[in-house]
């Protein structure tokens, strides 16, 4: 027999369940157990191995096969055998390592029952409960894998699979109504959770599946949105912002949209689609709450994309975010085209950049900008030292040009490498021309770089060519 306190709780839940569509928050408050109440439940509940489904169904006046009954049974099983998730997450040192994996798998079973309930018709009221459970699922998965050790990612893989199924379920809701009145309203937070899991697993290939589901949900939101939503907003086409309509995302909170743009920007960065990544990350940074610590988290990949595109941040910004040690000296060297110093700073913070997934990208893509800045600086120094004579009346001034032989000593100095030869410099210049980073051509016979006329002197902004 169930303890009278449990019976009283179930009757309260039953009353809230009866009015779940009118007052979903009341039911959610009862199902999301506060940490202070865990000891009371644990003291009166039987062991988790005892099947309480029949007794729960009798008190709730529901069938034993009802999915809400299965969810309550899984909730009681967790309450009876495991500590509050907040204790597992906030104070892990006070618990034995052996406590984390069983707690995760019990919570995973609870989430599975919650998802099964949510997948039935007319369960929109259950969305807030599912979201809270999903957030805890991700956090517990990380703790459980860390406790198991040995590089185990079993729990995170399980969490990723469950959240991915949630995204798929929410995205295909074709109910002809605005997003707030359908399961599509829960698509974005579930997608963000999936992104977080896949990034933790370093399995970014599966992010494309999540993106496809999100795009489907956004398209349905546009199709079934009220006409009033078309009046204002900002539309973002994969990172390129234009003033217009943003019906597909208008129903989601700013926090969820910022998180979505952050992960989408990081995904595009990993795909070397730098300009698209910069647009997404800049939107996330500009729309993130100023006081949030997430603003710094967004700024790190944003800085990486900015350095590659030649958008150099100010020193006060770096210092305010506490990123001056990692980026300030690197930025100074990059601006000057000082290749040796750039590499030295990058190597000095190698492990930090690797931990944030940026080292290889910076090493590969930033060097082209460093060479571009060096050659432009050499051109400006040469033109200042030996100004070109004024053209004859009616004649066109010659295009800017640069003798590769004359700049070889500067190149060797910048890279601290006396083994560099003229062929090496010419090879780099031709590569930069081929990439569109320099506008011009090389006369091989005279080893001279002839640049395009214009204010840019043959060096267009990096952001316009990448």
Protein backbone atom coordinates (compact mmCIF):
# COMPACT_ATOMS: atom_id res chain seq x y z
CA UNK A 1 0.00 0.00 0.00
CA UNK A 2 1.10 3.52 -0.75
CA UNK A 3 1.94 5.81 2.14
CA UNK A 4 -0.84 8.28 2.94
CA UNK A 5 1.44 11.22 2.11
CA UNK A 6 2.09 9.77 -1.35
CA UNK A 7 -1.64 9.20 -1.80
CA UNK A 8 -2.27 12.83 -0.85
CA UNK A 9 0.35 13.98 -3.34
CA UNK A 10 -1.18 11.83 -6.09
CA UNK A 11 -4.65 13.23 -5.41
CA UNK A 12 -3.28 16.76 -5.72
CA UNK A 13 -1.57 15.76 -8.96
CA UNK A 14 -4.80 14.17 -10.16
CA UNK A 15 -6.74 17.39 -9.56
CA UNK A 16 -4.10 19.39 -11.42
CA UNK A 17 -4.09 16.80 -14.20
CA UNK A 18 -7.82 17.22 -14.65
CA UNK A 19 -7.31 20.95 -15.34
CA UNK A 20 -4.00 20.51 -17.19
CA UNK A 21 -5.07 22.31 -20.34
CA UNK A 22 -6.39 25.36 -18.49
CA UNK A 23 -3.63 25.54 -15.85
CA UNK A 24 -0.51 23.72 -17.12
CA UNK A 25 1.80 25.62 -14.77
CA UNK A 26 0.05 24.16 -11.72
CA UNK A 27 0.70 20.60 -12.89
CA UNK A 28 4.29 21.39 -13.86
CA UNK A 29 5.00 22.78 -10.38
CA UNK A 30 3.83 19.51 -8.84
CA UNK A 31 5.81 17.27 -11.20
CA UNK A 32 9.12 19.16 -10.98
CA UNK A 33 10.05 18.18 -7.44
CA UNK A 34 12.09 20.70 -5.47
CA UNK A 35 15.37 19.43 -3.91
CA UNK A 36 14.12 20.10 -0.37
CA UNK A 37 11.26 17.64 -0.87
CA UNK A 38 13.42 14.70 -1.99
CA UNK A 39 14.10 13.39 1.55
CA UNK A 40 10.37 13.35 2.33
CA UNK A 41 9.57 11.30 -0.77
CA UNK A 42 12.49 8.94 -0.23
CA UNK A 43 11.42 8.27 3.36
CA UNK A 44 7.96 7.02 2.40
CA UNK A 45 8.45 5.47 -1.06
CA UNK A 46 9.19 1.76 -1.50
CA UNK A 47 12.42 0.70 -3.30
CA UNK A 48 12.67 1.55 -7.02
CA UNK A 49 12.30 -2.13 -7.93
CA UNK A 50 8.69 -2.19 -6.68
CA UNK A 51 6.15 -1.66 -9.47
CA UNK A 52 3.69 1.01 -8.30
CA UNK A 53 1.82 1.43 -11.59
CA UNK A 54 -1.40 -0.26 -10.48
CA UNK A 55 -1.61 1.71 -7.23
CA UNK A 56 -0.81 5.00 -8.98
CA UNK A 57 -3.46 4.32 -11.62
CA UNK A 58 -6.04 3.56 -8.93
CA UNK A 59 -5.45 6.84 -7.08
CA UNK A 60 -5.38 8.89 -10.28
CA UNK A 61 -8.44 7.07 -11.66
CA UNK A 62 -6.57 6.29 -14.87
CA UNK A 63 -5.81 3.08 -16.72
CA UNK A 64 -2.62 1.30 -15.74
CA UNK A 65 -1.46 1.59 -19.35
CA UNK A 66 -1.90 5.38 -19.40
CA UNK A 67 1.43 7.03 -20.21
CA UNK A 68 0.94 9.59 -17.46
CA UNK A 69 0.88 6.71 -14.97
CA UNK A 70 4.14 5.34 -16.42
CA UNK A 71 5.72 8.78 -16.05
CA UNK A 72 4.69 9.09 -12.38
CA UNK A 73 6.02 5.58 -11.71
CA UNK A 74 9.39 6.51 -13.25
CA UNK A 75 9.42 9.74 -11.23
CA UNK A 76 8.83 7.80 -8.00
CA UNK A 77 11.58 5.33 -8.96
CA UNK A 78 14.07 8.18 -9.26
CA UNK A 79 12.90 9.86 -6.04
CA UNK A 80 13.22 6.60 -4.11
CA UNK A 81 16.73 5.70 -5.19
CA UNK A 82 18.73 8.77 -6.15
CA UNK A 83 19.77 12.20 -4.81
CA UNK A 84 18.36 15.45 -6.21
CA UNK A 85 19.93 16.40 -9.57
CA UNK A 86 20.91 19.77 -8.10
CA UNK A 87 23.07 17.97 -5.54
CA UNK A 88 24.69 15.84 -8.25
CA UNK A 89 25.44 18.91 -10.33
CA UNK A 90 26.29 21.61 -7.78
CA UNK A 91 28.15 19.57 -5.14
CA UNK A 92 29.54 16.47 -6.88
CA UNK A 93 32.53 16.19 -4.53
CA UNK A 94 30.19 15.30 -1.65
CA UNK A 95 28.90 12.20 -3.45
CA UNK A 96 30.68 8.96 -4.39
CA UNK A 97 31.61 8.60 -8.06
CA UNK A 98 29.45 5.48 -8.20
CA UNK A 99 26.29 7.57 -7.65
CA UNK A 100 26.36 9.46 -10.94
CA UNK A 101 25.90 6.80 -13.63
CA UNK A 102 22.90 5.07 -11.95
CA UNK A 103 21.30 8.47 -11.34
CA UNK A 104 21.73 9.40 -15.00
CA UNK A 105 20.20 6.19 -16.31
CA UNK A 106 17.27 6.50 -13.94
CA UNK A 107 16.74 10.07 -15.14
CA UNK A 108 17.11 8.89 -18.73
CA UNK A 109 14.29 6.40 -18.12
CA UNK A 110 12.21 9.22 -16.63
CA UNK A 111 12.83 11.34 -19.73
CA UNK A 112 11.89 8.41 -21.97
CA UNK A 113 8.54 8.09 -20.19
CA UNK A 114 8.03 11.85 -20.41
CA UNK A 115 8.76 11.79 -24.15
CA UNK A 116 6.35 8.90 -24.64
CA UNK A 117 3.64 10.93 -22.90
CA UNK A 118 4.46 14.08 -24.87
CA UNK A 119 4.23 12.20 -28.17
CA UNK A 120 0.52 11.49 -27.61
CA UNK A 121 -2.16 13.93 -28.86
CA UNK A 122 -3.12 17.02 -26.86
CA UNK A 123 -0.09 17.08 -24.58
CA UNK A 124 1.09 20.62 -25.27
CA UNK A 125 0.67 21.34 -21.56
CA UNK A 126 3.58 18.98 -20.86
CA UNK A 127 6.17 20.99 -22.83
CA UNK A 128 7.60 22.96 -19.84
CA UNK A 129 8.07 19.74 -17.86
CA UNK A 130 9.84 18.06 -20.77
CA UNK A 131 12.14 21.06 -21.20
CA UNK A 132 13.18 21.02 -17.56
CA UNK A 133 13.83 17.29 -17.69
CA UNK A 134 15.90 17.71 -20.87
CA UNK A 135 18.10 20.37 -19.31
CA UNK A 136 18.84 18.09 -16.37
CA UNK A 137 19.37 15.13 -18.71
CA UNK A 138 22.21 16.94 -20.51
CA UNK A 139 23.88 18.11 -17.32
CA UNK A 140 23.67 14.69 -15.68
CA UNK A 141 25.04 13.00 -18.81
CA UNK A 142 28.17 15.13 -18.62
CA UNK A 143 28.64 14.36 -14.91
CA UNK A 144 28.01 10.65 -15.40
CA UNK A 145 30.54 10.30 -18.22
CA UNK A 146 33.12 12.22 -16.20
CA UNK A 147 32.54 9.99 -13.19
CA UNK A 148 32.89 6.80 -15.24
CA UNK A 149 36.11 8.13 -16.78
CA UNK A 150 38.16 6.45 -19.46
CA UNK A 151 36.79 8.74 -22.15
CA UNK A 152 33.32 7.26 -21.81
CA UNK A 153 30.60 9.16 -23.68
CA UNK A 154 27.83 6.61 -23.33
CA UNK A 155 25.54 8.86 -21.31
CA UNK A 156 26.03 11.86 -23.60
CA UNK A 157 25.33 9.70 -26.66
CA UNK A 158 22.10 8.56 -25.03
CA UNK A 159 21.10 12.14 -24.20
CA UNK A 160 21.88 13.29 -27.75
CA UNK A 161 19.71 10.54 -29.24
CA UNK A 162 16.78 11.37 -26.96
CA UNK A 163 16.95 15.10 -27.66
CA UNK A 164 17.30 14.52 -31.39
CA UNK A 165 14.09 12.47 -31.35
CA UNK A 166 12.41 15.29 -29.47
CA UNK A 167 13.42 17.79 -32.16
CA UNK A 168 12.08 15.51 -34.87
CA UNK A 169 8.74 15.05 -33.10
CA UNK A 170 8.24 18.78 -32.53
CA UNK A 171 9.34 19.85 -36.00
CA UNK A 172 6.83 17.70 -37.89
CA UNK A 173 3.76 19.08 -36.11
CA UNK A 174 1.74 20.34 -39.07
CA UNK A 175 -1.14 21.67 -36.99
CA UNK A 176 -2.43 24.72 -38.94
CA UNK A 177 -1.89 27.16 -36.09
CA UNK A 178 0.80 29.57 -34.87
CA UNK A 179 3.86 27.95 -33.32
CA UNK A 180 2.79 28.81 -29.76
CA UNK A 181 -0.25 26.57 -30.15
CA UNK A 182 1.66 23.53 -31.45
CA UNK A 183 4.60 21.31 -30.52
CA UNK A 184 6.75 23.44 -32.81
CA UNK A 185 7.14 25.89 -29.93
CA UNK A 186 9.43 23.31 -28.27
CA UNK A 187 11.60 22.72 -31.33
CA UNK A 188 14.28 25.32 -30.69
CA UNK A 189 15.19 24.46 -27.10
CA UNK A 190 15.35 20.77 -28.04
CA UNK A 191 17.51 21.63 -31.05
CA UNK A 192 19.85 23.69 -28.89
CA UNK A 193 20.18 20.76 -26.49
CA UNK A 194 21.00 18.46 -29.40
CA UNK A 195 23.65 20.89 -30.62
CA UNK A 196 25.19 21.03 -27.15
CA UNK A 197 25.36 17.22 -26.99
CA UNK A 198 26.80 16.81 -30.48
CA UNK A 199 29.44 19.47 -29.87
CA UNK A 200 30.36 17.71 -26.62
CA UNK A 201 30.65 14.45 -28.58
CA UNK A 202 32.56 16.18 -31.39
CA UNK A 203 30.07 14.68 -33.83
CA UNK A 204 29.12 17.77 -35.81
CA UNK A 205 27.99 15.78 -38.83
CA UNK A 206 24.72 14.95 -37.04
CA UNK A 207 24.05 18.66 -36.47
CA UNK A 208 22.88 18.87 -40.08
CA UNK A 209 19.98 16.55 -39.24
CA UNK A 210 18.95 18.86 -36.40
CA UNK A 211 19.26 21.89 -38.69
CA UNK A 212 17.00 20.23 -41.23
CA UNK A 213 14.34 19.67 -38.56
CA UNK A 214 14.61 23.26 -37.36
CA UNK A 215 14.31 24.60 -40.90
CA UNK A 216 11.16 22.50 -41.36
CA UNK A 217 9.68 23.93 -38.17
CA UNK A 218 10.54 27.50 -39.20
CA UNK A 219 8.91 26.93 -42.60
CA UNK A 220 5.72 25.65 -40.96
CA UNK A 221 5.75 28.61 -38.58
CA UNK A 222 5.84 30.97 -41.55
CA UNK A 223 3.10 29.06 -43.32
CA UNK A 224 0.70 29.13 -40.37
CA UNK A 225 1.63 32.46 -38.77
CA UNK A 226 -0.95 35.22 -38.25
CA UNK A 227 -0.66 38.01 -40.79
CA UNK A 228 0.14 40.46 -38.00
CA UNK A 229 3.51 38.80 -37.53
CA UNK A 230 4.56 39.84 -41.02
CA UNK A 231 4.72 43.49 -40.10
CA UNK A 232 8.14 43.69 -38.49
CA UNK A 233 11.24 41.80 -37.52
CA UNK A 234 14.68 40.92 -38.74
CA UNK A 235 15.29 38.04 -41.11
CA UNK A 236 18.57 36.19 -41.13
CA UNK A 237 19.51 34.09 -44.12
CA UNK A 238 22.21 31.87 -42.64
CA UNK A 239 24.16 34.74 -41.17
CA UNK A 240 23.35 37.59 -43.56
CA UNK A 241 20.94 39.99 -41.89
CA UNK A 242 18.43 42.10 -43.75
CA UNK A 243 15.57 44.22 -42.48
CA UNK A 244 12.40 42.29 -43.17
CA UNK A 245 10.33 39.48 -41.72
CA UNK A 246 11.38 36.86 -39.22
CA UNK A 247 8.18 34.92 -38.89
CA UNK A 248 9.83 31.53 -38.60
CA UNK A 249 11.64 32.40 -35.37
CA UNK A 250 9.40 35.12 -33.97
CA UNK A 251 7.61 32.87 -31.48
CA UNK A 252 10.80 31.74 -29.72
CA UNK A 253 12.42 33.51 -26.81
CA UNK A 254 15.45 35.71 -27.36
CA UNK A 255 17.52 33.41 -25.15
CA UNK A 256 16.72 30.38 -27.32
CA UNK A 257 17.43 32.31 -30.51
CA UNK A 258 20.76 33.55 -29.18
CA UNK A 259 21.74 30.00 -28.26
CA UNK A 260 20.66 28.75 -31.68
CA UNK A 261 22.70 31.40 -33.50
CA UNK A 262 25.71 30.65 -31.31
CA UNK A 263 25.70 26.96 -32.17
CA UNK A 264 24.93 27.63 -35.83
CA UNK A 265 27.86 30.07 -35.95
CA UNK A 266 30.19 27.52 -34.38
CA UNK A 267 28.99 24.89 -36.85
CA UNK A 268 29.65 27.18 -39.82
CA UNK A 269 33.06 28.01 -38.35
CA UNK A 270 33.93 24.31 -38.22
CA UNK A 271 32.90 24.08 -41.89
CA UNK A 272 35.24 27.00 -42.73
CA UNK A 273 32.26 29.10 -43.87
CA UNK A 274 33.76 32.04 -42.07
CA UNK A 275 31.58 34.90 -43.26
CA UNK A 276 28.37 33.01 -42.48
CA UNK A 277 29.77 32.05 -39.08
CA UNK A 278 30.64 35.67 -38.33
CA UNK A 279 27.11 36.82 -39.15
CA UNK A 280 25.51 34.24 -36.87
CA UNK A 281 27.91 34.84 -33.98
CA UNK A 282 27.65 38.62 -34.28
CA UNK A 283 23.86 38.39 -34.05
CA UNK A 284 24.14 36.16 -30.99
CA UNK A 285 26.64 38.52 -29.35
CA UNK A 286 24.61 41.66 -30.07
CA UNK A 287 21.39 40.11 -28.75
CA UNK A 288 22.81 38.39 -25.68
CA UNK A 289 22.07 40.02 -22.34
CA UNK A 290 25.01 42.27 -21.40
CA UNK A 291 25.33 40.88 -17.88
CA UNK A 292 25.31 37.25 -19.03
CA UNK A 293 28.52 35.24 -18.83
CA UNK A 294 27.42 33.68 -22.10
CA UNK A 295 28.42 36.91 -23.84
CA UNK A 296 32.08 36.00 -23.30
CA UNK A 297 31.41 32.45 -24.48
CA UNK A 298 29.97 33.82 -27.72
CA UNK A 299 32.79 36.34 -28.09
CA UNK A 300 35.53 33.68 -28.31
CA UNK A 301 34.45 32.08 -31.63
CA UNK A 302 33.32 35.52 -32.83
CA UNK A 303 36.88 36.80 -32.34
CA UNK A 304 38.24 33.85 -34.30
CA UNK A 305 35.98 34.59 -37.27
CA UNK A 306 36.75 38.30 -36.99
CA UNK A 307 40.53 37.79 -37.06
CA UNK A 308 40.25 35.61 -40.16
CA UNK A 309 38.03 38.20 -41.87
CA UNK A 310 40.27 41.11 -40.93
CA UNK A 311 37.79 42.67 -38.48
CA UNK A 312 40.13 43.50 -35.63
CA UNK A 313 38.54 44.05 -32.19
CA UNK A 314 39.45 46.92 -29.89
CA UNK A 315 41.74 46.44 -26.92
CA UNK A 316 39.09 47.66 -24.41
CA UNK A 317 36.72 44.94 -25.63
CA UNK A 318 39.34 42.23 -25.15
CA UNK A 319 40.24 43.49 -21.69
CA UNK A 320 36.62 43.84 -20.59
CA UNK A 321 36.00 40.21 -21.56
CA UNK A 322 39.19 38.96 -19.93
CA UNK A 323 40.55 37.79 -23.29
CA UNK A 324 43.48 40.18 -23.62
CA UNK A 325 46.12 37.55 -22.68
CA UNK A 326 44.97 35.24 -25.47
CA UNK A 327 44.30 37.80 -28.20
CA UNK A 328 45.87 41.22 -27.57
CA UNK A 329 49.49 40.42 -28.49
CA UNK A 330 48.27 38.11 -31.26
CA UNK A 331 46.23 40.95 -32.72
CA UNK A 332 49.17 43.39 -32.65
CA UNK A 333 51.43 40.90 -34.46
CA UNK A 334 48.73 40.05 -37.00
CA UNK A 335 48.04 43.69 -37.84
CA UNK A 336 51.74 44.27 -38.57
CA UNK A 337 52.11 41.09 -40.59
CA UNK A 338 54.69 39.86 -38.11
CA UNK A 339 54.46 36.17 -38.91
CA UNK A 340 56.96 34.94 -36.33
CA UNK A 341 55.30 36.84 -33.48
CA UNK A 342 51.86 35.73 -34.65
CA UNK A 343 52.89 32.09 -34.58
CA UNK A 344 54.64 32.56 -31.25
CA UNK A 345 51.48 33.96 -29.63
CA UNK A 346 49.33 31.27 -31.19
CA UNK A 347 51.65 28.55 -29.87
CA UNK A 348 51.85 30.17 -26.45
CA UNK A 349 48.10 29.73 -26.03
CA UNK A 350 47.92 26.55 -28.06
CA UNK A 351 46.20 24.39 -25.45
CA UNK A 352 43.67 27.13 -24.65
CA UNK A 353 42.73 27.52 -28.32
CA UNK A 354 42.59 23.75 -28.73
CA UNK A 355 40.24 23.46 -25.76
CA UNK A 356 37.91 25.90 -27.52
CA UNK A 357 38.28 24.12 -30.87
CA UNK A 358 39.93 27.06 -32.61
CA UNK A 359 43.64 26.28 -32.87
CA UNK A 360 43.72 24.44 -36.21
CA UNK A 361 41.37 26.93 -37.84
CA UNK A 362 43.43 29.92 -36.71
CA UNK A 363 46.70 28.34 -37.77
CA UNK A 364 45.33 27.46 -41.19
CA UNK A 365 43.26 30.52 -42.07
CA UNK A 366 44.88 33.39 -40.18
CA UNK A 367 48.27 33.07 -41.88
CA UNK A 368 46.91 34.24 -45.23
CA UNK A 369 45.75 37.45 -43.56
CA UNK A 370 49.13 37.81 -41.88
CA UNK A 371 50.93 37.58 -45.25
CA UNK A 372 48.45 40.02 -46.76
CA UNK A 373 49.10 42.56 -44.00
CA UNK A 374 52.87 42.13 -44.36
CA UNK A 375 52.82 42.71 -48.12
CA UNK A 376 50.55 45.74 -47.76
CA UNK A 377 52.84 47.17 -45.11
CA UNK A 378 55.86 46.60 -47.36
CA UNK A 379 54.06 48.43 -50.18
CA UNK A 380 53.22 51.42 -47.98
CA UNK A 381 56.81 51.63 -46.66
CA UNK A 382 58.24 51.36 -50.17
CA UNK A 383 55.90 54.02 -51.57
CA UNK A 384 56.72 56.36 -48.70
CA UNK A 385 60.47 55.86 -49.16
CA UNK A 386 60.47 56.23 -52.97
CA UNK A 387 57.43 58.20 -54.13
CA UNK A 388 56.48 57.61 -57.77
CA UNK A 389 57.09 60.58 -60.09
CA UNK A 390 53.98 62.44 -61.21
CA UNK A 391 52.62 61.20 -64.55
CA UNK A 392 52.93 63.27 -67.72
CA UNK A 393 49.97 65.49 -68.60
CA UNK A 394 47.13 63.35 -69.87
CA UNK A 395 48.89 60.12 -68.93
CA UNK A 396 47.57 57.62 -66.42
CA UNK A 397 49.61 56.99 -63.32
CA UNK A 398 51.18 53.52 -63.20
CA UNK A 399 49.51 50.92 -61.01
CA UNK A 400 51.03 50.26 -57.60
CA UNK A 401 53.73 47.62 -57.81
CA UNK A 402 56.25 45.95 -55.58
CA UNK A 403 59.60 44.32 -56.27
CA UNK A 404 59.63 40.96 -54.56
CA UNK A 405 63.41 41.03 -54.36
CA UNK A 406 63.34 44.33 -52.48
CA UNK A 407 60.95 43.04 -49.83
CA UNK A 408 62.68 39.69 -49.28
CA UNK A 409 64.73 41.04 -46.32
CA UNK A 410 61.53 42.34 -44.69
CA UNK A 411 59.82 39.00 -45.21
CA UNK A 412 62.74 37.15 -43.64
CA UNK A 413 62.70 39.55 -40.71
CA UNK A 414 58.94 39.22 -40.21
CA UNK A 415 59.10 35.44 -40.18
CA UNK A 416 62.52 35.22 -38.49
CA UNK A 417 63.56 32.78 -41.22
CA UNK A 418 66.65 33.48 -43.32
CA UNK A 419 66.05 30.33 -45.36
CA UNK A 420 63.17 31.98 -47.22
CA UNK A 421 63.98 32.54 -50.90
CA UNK A 422 62.49 34.64 -53.66
CA UNK A 423 60.64 31.61 -55.03
CA UNK A 424 58.96 31.15 -51.65
CA UNK A 425 57.71 34.73 -51.61
CA UNK A 426 56.48 34.51 -55.20
CA UNK A 427 54.67 31.26 -54.43
CA UNK A 428 52.86 32.86 -51.48
CA UNK A 429 51.94 35.95 -53.51
CA UNK A 430 50.53 33.86 -56.36
CA UNK A 431 48.48 31.86 -53.84
CA UNK A 432 47.05 35.06 -52.33
CA UNK A 433 46.16 36.32 -55.80
CA UNK A 434 44.47 33.01 -56.58
CA UNK A 435 42.39 33.30 -53.41
CA UNK A 436 41.36 36.86 -54.27
CA UNK A 437 43.09 38.25 -51.19
CA UNK A 438 45.35 40.35 -53.44
CA UNK A 439 44.15 41.91 -56.71
CA UNK A 440 46.95 41.92 -59.23
CA UNK A 441 49.45 39.71 -61.04
CA UNK A 442 53.10 38.71 -60.84
CA UNK A 443 55.60 39.32 -63.64
CA UNK A 444 57.77 36.26 -63.18
CA UNK A 445 60.64 37.51 -65.32
CA UNK A 446 61.21 40.63 -63.23
CA UNK A 447 59.82 39.21 -59.97
CA UNK A 448 57.46 42.14 -59.60
CA UNK A 449 53.97 42.24 -58.14
CA UNK A 450 51.66 44.57 -60.08
CA UNK A 451 48.58 45.55 -58.10
CA UNK A 452 45.16 46.85 -59.09
CA UNK A 453 44.56 50.58 -59.16
CA UNK A 454 42.21 52.12 -56.64
CA UNK A 455 42.04 53.23 -53.06
CA UNK A 456 42.61 49.69 -51.77
CA UNK A 457 45.94 49.50 -53.68
CA UNK A 458 45.13 45.92 -54.65
CA UNK A 459 44.40 44.81 -51.08
CA UNK A 460 40.61 44.50 -50.73
CA UNK A 461 39.21 43.99 -47.21
CA UNK A 462 39.55 40.38 -46.17
CA UNK A 463 35.89 40.22 -45.26
CA UNK A 464 34.89 40.91 -48.86
CA UNK A 465 36.76 37.93 -50.30
CA UNK A 466 36.16 35.17 -47.73
